C-alpha cells in the first residue's frame, strides 16, 4: 500500500488498513520507541491505542496535515516520540523539584531530526542532474574531506574545485526550491 492509501484508509477508519499498519507494518518501529522513551514496561496495545487516538483527534487533523515530505512511518516516528515524551513530562509531579530533562530522550530527538535531515538530503541529491556535484558536496561539506585532498583525488586544481562546489551548491539550492514549490501545492 502507498502512503496515500494508508492515510486515506486511516482517515476512513478502515479496520483492515488500521490493523495492518499499526499491528504489522509499524510494530518494530513502535517497539523501538517504547524501549527508548519509557523506562518501564508499556503494553503495546495501550501504546497504539493512545497514539491512534492522538492522531485521529479532531477528525484526524494530524493525519490530514501530513505533507508527504517523508514516509508515513518516518513522520509517525517523530509524532509518536514527541507525543509520548511530552505526555511523560506532563505526568511528572508538579511539586517535584527535579528537572524533567532526560539526556537520553534529548539524544533520541536529536538523532531522529538528524535522520530526517539525512533522508531529505538524500532525496534532494537524487533529484540533482549532475552527480559530480553531489560527490563534491558529499565529500567537502558532509564528510569534511580537505579541499586540497579532494582536488588531488579528482585530478583538478583547488581553485577549480571551489568553482565546482559553488555551482553544486547553486544546483542543490535550485533543486530544493523546486522541491518546496512541488510540496507547497
C-alpha atoms as a PDB file:
ATOM      1  CA  UNK A   1       0.000   0.000   0.000  1.00  0.00           C
ATOM      2  CA  UNK A   2       1.179   3.521  -0.697  1.00  0.00           C
ATOM      3  CA  UNK A   3       1.369   6.195   1.992  1.00  0.00           C
ATOM      4  CA  UNK A   4      -1.667   7.942   0.458  1.00  0.00           C
ATOM      5  CA  UNK A   5      -3.686   4.735   0.606  1.00  0.00           C
ATOM      6  CA  UNK A   6      -2.648   4.145   4.208  1.00  0.00           C
ATOM      7  CA  UNK A   7      -3.568   7.669   5.272  1.00  0.00           C
ATOM      8  CA  UNK A   8      -6.894   7.564   3.464  1.00  0.00           C
ATOM      9  CA  UNK A   9      -7.637   4.169   4.999  1.00  0.00           C
ATOM     10  CA  UNK A  10      -6.884   5.502   8.466  1.00  0.00           C
ATOM     11  CA  UNK A  11      -8.995   8.619   7.909  1.00  0.00           C
ATOM     12  CA  UNK A  12     -11.840   6.413   6.632  1.00  0.00           C
ATOM     13  CA  UNK A  13     -11.364   4.255   9.745  1.00  0.00           C
ATOM     14  CA  UNK A  14     -10.830   1.150   7.623  1.00  0.00           C
ATOM     15  CA  UNK A  15     -10.230  -1.642  10.163  1.00  0.00           C
ATOM     16  CA  UNK A  16      -8.133  -3.740   7.784  1.00  0.00           C
ATOM     17  CA  UNK A  17      -5.781  -0.839   6.957  1.00  0.00           C
ATOM     18  CA  UNK A  18      -5.572   0.225  10.599  1.00  0.00           C
ATOM     19  CA  UNK A  19      -4.802  -3.305  11.798  1.00  0.00           C
ATOM     20  CA  UNK A  20      -2.178  -3.925   9.097  1.00  0.00           C
ATOM     21  CA  UNK A  21      -0.494  -0.555   9.595  1.00  0.00           C
ATOM     22  CA  UNK A  22      -0.380  -0.361  13.394  1.00  0.00           C
ATOM     23  CA  UNK A  23      -0.004  -4.018  14.300  1.00  0.00           C
ATOM     24  CA  UNK A  24       2.147  -5.348  11.446  1.00  0.00           C
ATOM     25  CA  UNK A  25       3.974  -2.670   9.497  1.00  0.00           C
ATOM     26  CA  UNK A  26       4.780  -0.337  12.407  1.00  0.00           C
ATOM     27  CA  UNK A  27       5.229  -2.935  15.150  1.00  0.00           C
ATOM     28  CA  UNK A  28       9.065  -2.959  15.060  1.00  0.00           C
ATOM     29  CA  UNK A  29       9.128   0.843  14.987  1.00  0.00           C
ATOM     30  CA  UNK A  30       6.715   1.175  17.899  1.00  0.00           C
ATOM     31  CA  UNK A  31       8.516  -1.473  19.961  1.00  0.00           C
ATOM     32  CA  UNK A  32      11.728   0.504  19.472  1.00  0.00           C
ATOM     33  CA  UNK A  33      10.040   3.752  20.551  1.00  0.00           C
ATOM     34  CA  UNK A  34       8.597   2.066  23.632  1.00  0.00           C
ATOM     35  CA  UNK A  35      12.063   0.802  24.643  1.00  0.00           C
ATOM     36  CA  UNK A  36      13.709   4.171  24.088  1.00  0.00           C
ATOM     37  CA  UNK A  37      11.101   6.556  25.504  1.00  0.00           C
ATOM     38  CA  UNK A  38       9.802   4.673  28.529  1.00  0.00           C
ATOM     39  CA  UNK A  39      11.809   3.387  31.458  1.00  0.00           C
ATOM     40  CA  UNK A  40       9.034   0.991  32.460  1.00  0.00           C
ATOM     41  CA  UNK A  41       7.056  -1.752  30.754  1.00  0.00           C
ATOM     42  CA  UNK A  42       4.383  -0.399  28.429  1.00  0.00           C
ATOM     43  CA  UNK A  43       1.676  -2.532  26.873  1.00  0.00           C
ATOM     44  CA  UNK A  44       1.913  -2.425  23.062  1.00  0.00           C
ATOM     45  CA  UNK A  45      -1.872  -2.255  22.597  1.00  0.00           C
ATOM     46  CA  UNK A  46      -2.165   0.648  25.030  1.00  0.00           C
ATOM     47  CA  UNK A  47       0.655   2.468  23.244  1.00  0.00           C
ATOM     48  CA  UNK A  48      -1.046   2.009  19.858  1.00  0.00           C
ATOM     49  CA  UNK A  49      -4.435   2.987  21.245  1.00  0.00           C
ATOM     50  CA  UNK A  50      -3.061   6.203  22.752  1.00  0.00           C
ATOM     51  CA  UNK A  51      -1.196   7.098  19.560  1.00  0.00           C
ATOM     52  CA  UNK A  52      -4.210   6.279  17.383  1.00  0.00           C
ATOM     53  CA  UNK A  53      -6.485   8.493  19.490  1.00  0.00           C
ATOM     54  CA  UNK A  54      -3.915  11.285  19.317  1.00  0.00           C
ATOM     55  CA  UNK A  55      -3.546  11.282  15.520  1.00  0.00           C
ATOM     56  CA  UNK A  56      -7.281  10.775  14.921  1.00  0.00           C
ATOM     57  CA  UNK A  57      -8.330  13.594  17.262  1.00  0.00           C
ATOM     58  CA  UNK A  58     -10.318  16.448  15.678  1.00  0.00           C
ATOM     59  CA  UNK A  59     -11.348  14.441  12.608  1.00  0.00           C
ATOM     60  CA  UNK A  60      -7.789  13.142  12.005  1.00  0.00           C
ATOM     61  CA  UNK A  61      -6.371  16.677  11.853  1.00  0.00           C
ATOM     62  CA  UNK A  62      -2.779  15.465  12.327  1.00  0.00           C
ATOM     63  CA  UNK A  63      -3.051  12.912   9.522  1.00  0.00           C
ATOM     64  CA  UNK A  64      -4.651  15.418   7.188  1.00  0.00           C
ATOM     65  CA  UNK A  65      -1.696  17.773   7.758  1.00  0.00           C
ATOM     66  CA  UNK A  66       0.815  15.130   6.584  1.00  0.00           C
ATOM     67  CA  UNK A  67       2.640  16.625   3.574  1.00  0.00           C
ATOM     68  CA  UNK A  68       4.380  13.527   2.124  1.00  0.00           C
ATOM     69  CA  UNK A  69       7.852  15.020   2.621  1.00  0.00           C
ATOM     70  CA  UNK A  70       8.916  11.738   4.191  1.00  0.00           C
ATOM     71  CA  UNK A  71       7.398   8.314   4.525  1.00  0.00           C
ATOM     72  CA  UNK A  72       4.373   7.925   6.768  1.00  0.00           C
ATOM     73  CA  UNK A  73       6.446   5.723   9.083  1.00  0.00           C
ATOM     74  CA  UNK A  74       9.183   8.347   9.474  1.00  0.00           C
ATOM     75  CA  UNK A  75       6.579  11.023  10.160  1.00  0.00           C
ATOM     76  CA  UNK A  76       4.738   8.828  12.658  1.00  0.00           C
ATOM     77  CA  UNK A  77       8.006   8.060  14.442  1.00  0.00           C
ATOM     78  CA  UNK A  78       8.556  11.766  15.122  1.00  0.00           C
ATOM     79  CA  UNK A  79       4.921  12.330  16.100  1.00  0.00           C
ATOM     80  CA  UNK A  80       4.962   9.355  18.487  1.00  0.00           C
ATOM     81  CA  UNK A  81       8.250  10.275  20.156  1.00  0.00           C
ATOM     82  CA  UNK A  82       7.206  13.886  20.652  1.00  0.00           C
ATOM     83  CA  UNK A  83       3.761  12.929  21.928  1.00  0.00           C
ATOM     84  CA  UNK A  84       4.936  10.342  24.432  1.00  0.00           C
ATOM     85  CA  UNK A  85       7.903  12.386  25.659  1.00  0.00           C
ATOM     86  CA  UNK A  86       5.570  15.361  26.227  1.00  0.00           C
ATOM     87  CA  UNK A  87       2.953  13.146  27.871  1.00  0.00           C
ATOM     88  CA  UNK A  88       5.567  11.585  30.150  1.00  0.00           C
ATOM     89  CA  UNK A  89       6.893  15.023  31.090  1.00  0.00           C
ATOM     90  CA  UNK A  90       3.390  16.269  31.987  1.00  0.00           C
ATOM     91  CA  UNK A  91       2.942  13.253  34.248  1.00  0.00           C
ATOM     92  CA  UNK A  92       5.853  14.276  36.495  1.00  0.00           C
ATOM     93  CA  UNK A  93       4.547  15.669  39.751  1.00  0.00           C
ATOM     94  CA  UNK A  94       4.022  19.417  39.571  1.00  0.00           C
ATOM     95  CA  UNK A  95       5.585  19.878  43.013  1.00  0.00           C
ATOM     96  CA  UNK A  96       8.715  17.973  42.079  1.00  0.00           C
ATOM     97  CA  UNK A  97      11.944  19.944  42.263  1.00  0.00           C
ATOM     98  CA  UNK A  98      13.597  17.611  39.807  1.00  0.00           C
ATOM     99  CA  UNK A  99      14.112  18.743  36.268  1.00  0.00           C
ATOM    100  CA  UNK A 100      12.151  16.777  33.658  1.00  0.00           C
ATOM    101  CA  UNK A 101      15.161  16.864  31.341  1.00  0.00           C
ATOM    102  CA  UNK A 102      16.249  13.452  30.217  1.00  0.00           C
ATOM    103  CA  UNK A 103      19.517  13.417  28.336  1.00  0.00           C
ATOM    104  CA  UNK A 104      18.708  10.071  26.710  1.00  0.00           C
ATOM    105  CA  UNK A 105      15.388  11.384  25.318  1.00  0.00           C
ATOM    106  CA  UNK A 106      17.139  14.503  24.015  1.00  0.00           C
ATOM    107  CA  UNK A 107      19.611  12.242  22.201  1.00  0.00           C
ATOM    108  CA  UNK A 108      16.735  10.333  20.600  1.00  0.00           C
ATOM    109  CA  UNK A 109      15.075  13.538  19.378  1.00  0.00           C
ATOM    110  CA  UNK A 110      18.379  14.839  18.002  1.00  0.00           C
ATOM    111  CA  UNK A 111      19.086  11.513  16.311  1.00  0.00           C
ATOM    112  CA  UNK A 112      15.583  11.446  14.827  1.00  0.00           C
ATOM    113  CA  UNK A 113      15.886  15.000  13.481  1.00  0.00           C
ATOM    114  CA  UNK A 114      19.285  14.107  12.012  1.00  0.00           C
ATOM    115  CA  UNK A 115      17.731  11.045  10.403  1.00  0.00           C
ATOM    116  CA  UNK A 116      15.003  13.151   8.760  1.00  0.00           C
ATOM    117  CA  UNK A 117      17.550  15.705   7.554  1.00  0.00           C
ATOM    118  CA  UNK A 118      19.708  12.933   6.144  1.00  0.00           C
ATOM    119  CA  UNK A 119      16.751  11.393   4.299  1.00  0.00           C
ATOM    120  CA  UNK A 120      15.738  14.796   2.908  1.00  0.00           C
ATOM    121  CA  UNK A 121      19.272  15.459   1.718  1.00  0.00           C
ATOM    122  CA  UNK A 122      19.488  12.035   0.038  1.00  0.00           C
ATOM    123  CA  UNK A 123      16.223  12.739  -1.750  1.00  0.00           C
ATOM    124  CA  UNK A 124      17.442  16.162  -2.916  1.00  0.00           C
ATOM    125  CA  UNK A 125      20.724  14.626  -4.083  1.00  0.00           C
ATOM    126  CA  UNK A 126      18.782  12.087  -6.141  1.00  0.00           C
ATOM    127  CA  UNK A 127      16.990  14.977  -7.884  1.00  0.00           C
ATOM    128  CA  UNK A 128      20.246  16.711  -8.874  1.00  0.00           C
ATOM    129  CA  UNK A 129      21.105  16.079 -12.539  1.00  0.00           C
ATOM    130  CA  UNK A 130      24.893  16.419 -12.071  1.00  0.00           C
ATOM    131  CA  UNK A 131      26.158  13.552  -9.901  1.00  0.00           C
ATOM    132  CA  UNK A 132      29.671  15.049  -9.819  1.00  0.00           C
ATOM    133  CA  UNK A 133      28.189  17.978  -7.922  1.00  0.00           C
ATOM    134  CA  UNK A 134      26.611  15.545  -5.453  1.00  0.00           C
ATOM    135  CA  UNK A 135      30.015  13.901  -4.886  1.00  0.00           C
ATOM    136  CA  UNK A 136      31.698  17.259  -4.264  1.00  0.00           C
ATOM    137  CA  UNK A 137      29.060  18.373  -1.735  1.00  0.00           C
ATOM    138  CA  UNK A 138      29.086  14.957  -0.054  1.00  0.00           C
ATOM    139  CA  UNK A 139      32.856  14.862   0.338  1.00  0.00           C
ATOM    140  CA  UNK A 140      33.630  18.515   1.065  1.00  0.00           C
ATOM    141  CA  UNK A 141      30.726  19.501   3.260  1.00  0.00           C
ATOM    142  CA  UNK A 142      29.335  16.321   4.777  1.00  0.00           C
ATOM    143  CA  UNK A 143      32.431  14.141   5.089  1.00  0.00           C
ATOM    144  CA  UNK A 144      34.797  17.077   5.677  1.00  0.00           C
ATOM    145  CA  UNK A 145      37.460  15.970   3.198  1.00  0.00           C
ATOM    146  CA  UNK A 146      40.096  18.744   2.918  1.00  0.00           C
ATOM    147  CA  UNK A 147      39.733  20.638  -0.398  1.00  0.00           C
ATOM    148  CA  UNK A 148      43.360  20.053  -1.350  1.00  0.00           C
ATOM    149  CA  UNK A 149      42.989  16.302  -0.878  1.00  0.00           C
ATOM    150  CA  UNK A 150      39.736  16.129  -2.875  1.00  0.00           C
ATOM    151  CA  UNK A 151      41.193  18.250  -5.675  1.00  0.00           C
ATOM    152  CA  UNK A 152      44.132  15.878  -5.856  1.00  0.00           C
ATOM    153  CA  UNK A 153      41.795  12.841  -5.941  1.00  0.00           C
ATOM    154  CA  UNK A 154      39.779  14.449  -8.730  1.00  0.00           C
ATOM    155  CA  UNK A 155      42.950  15.450 -10.575  1.00  0.00           C
ATOM    156  CA  UNK A 156      41.966  19.123 -10.689  1.00  0.00           C
ATOM    157  CA  UNK A 157      43.233  22.370  -9.155  1.00  0.00           C
ATOM    158  CA  UNK A 158      41.863  23.513  -5.797  1.00  0.00           C
ATOM    159  CA  UNK A 159      40.544  26.742  -7.349  1.00  0.00           C
ATOM    160  CA  UNK A 160      38.599  24.683  -9.880  1.00  0.00           C
ATOM    161  CA  UNK A 161      37.194  22.573  -7.042  1.00  0.00           C
ATOM    162  CA  UNK A 162      35.857  25.716  -5.359  1.00  0.00           C
ATOM    163  CA  UNK A 163      34.134  26.689  -8.626  1.00  0.00           C
ATOM    164  CA  UNK A 164      32.573  23.228  -8.854  1.00  0.00           C
ATOM    165  CA  UNK A 165      31.457  23.484  -5.225  1.00  0.00           C
ATOM    166  CA  UNK A 166      29.833  26.880  -5.886  1.00  0.00           C
ATOM    167  CA  UNK A 167      27.943  25.520  -8.919  1.00  0.00           C
ATOM    168  CA  UNK A 168      26.995  22.390  -6.960  1.00  0.00           C
ATOM    169  CA  UNK A 169      25.528  24.470  -4.136  1.00  0.00           C
ATOM    170  CA  UNK A 170      23.613  26.591  -6.667  1.00  0.00           C
ATOM    171  CA  UNK A 171      22.161  23.435  -8.227  1.00  0.00           C
ATOM    172  CA  UNK A 172      21.267  21.985  -4.825  1.00  0.00           C
ATOM    173  CA  UNK A 173      19.591  25.254  -3.860  1.00  0.00           C
ATOM    174  CA  UNK A 174      17.574  25.259  -7.087  1.00  0.00           C
ATOM    175  CA  UNK A 175      16.538  21.634  -6.600  1.00  0.00           C
ATOM    176  CA  UNK A 176      15.482  22.405  -3.010  1.00  0.00           C
ATOM    177  CA  UNK A 177      13.466  25.455  -4.096  1.00  0.00           C
ATOM    178  CA  UNK A 178      11.721  23.411  -6.791  1.00  0.00           C
ATOM    179  CA  UNK A 179      11.055  20.720  -4.202  1.00  0.00           C
ATOM    180  CA  UNK A 180       9.479  23.266  -1.857  1.00  0.00           C
ATOM    181  CA  UNK A 181       7.247  24.542  -4.667  1.00  0.00           C
ATOM    182  CA  UNK A 182       6.240  20.962  -5.503  1.00  0.00           C
ATOM    183  CA  UNK A 183       5.267  20.160  -1.919  1.00  0.00           C
ATOM    184  CA  UNK A 184       3.664  23.547  -1.408  1.00  0.00           C
ATOM    185  CA  UNK A 185       0.872  22.624  -3.818  1.00  0.00           C
END
